[in-house]
Amino acid sequence: MKQILCLFMVTFVFMACEKVRNQNDAEIQQFISDNNLNAIAAQDGLYYVIDSVGTGASPNLSNSIEVKYTGYYTDGEQFDGTPPTVTRSFPLANLIKGWQYGFPYFNAGGSGKLLIPAHLGYGSNPPSGIRSDAVLIFDVELVSVQ
């Protein structure tokens, strides 16, 4: 009986996750269409837009990145960001998967958008101030790679 219950629970969780992934993908596709973006599909549901590829180094997980960014939902509500003249530095390995997967498409000096489904962002248990299971859109500028 315990095994059947465990199997049911695993199946339910998988179906719920798959439902969120499908909803997120539809939401991203609608955002791309509504905003006439030339977005590129990347791994695991991530999409990105390159406005400027940049000419410097491209980061990997062993690098820190210095960035300017604005984070918002598909409805336009901003949840995070840097002031226009301020940069922030982060070890890339410590960031959400969407940034880990997305920033290597840019070189230092590059800019664009990362369209991140919830499972590559904060998922169903986000930090305070972030919506649960939300698609995250980031306008990013990769200032430098350290």
Foldseek 3Di string as FASTA:
>chain_A
DVVVVVVVVVVVVVVVVVVLLVVLLVLVVVLCVVVVAPWDADPPSKIWGWPFQDDAAQDAQQKKFKKFKWKDASVRHTQDTDPPVDIDIDRLNPAFQQSNRPRSSHHAQIWTKMWAFQNSHQAQDRPPRDDHRTTMMMTMHGHHID
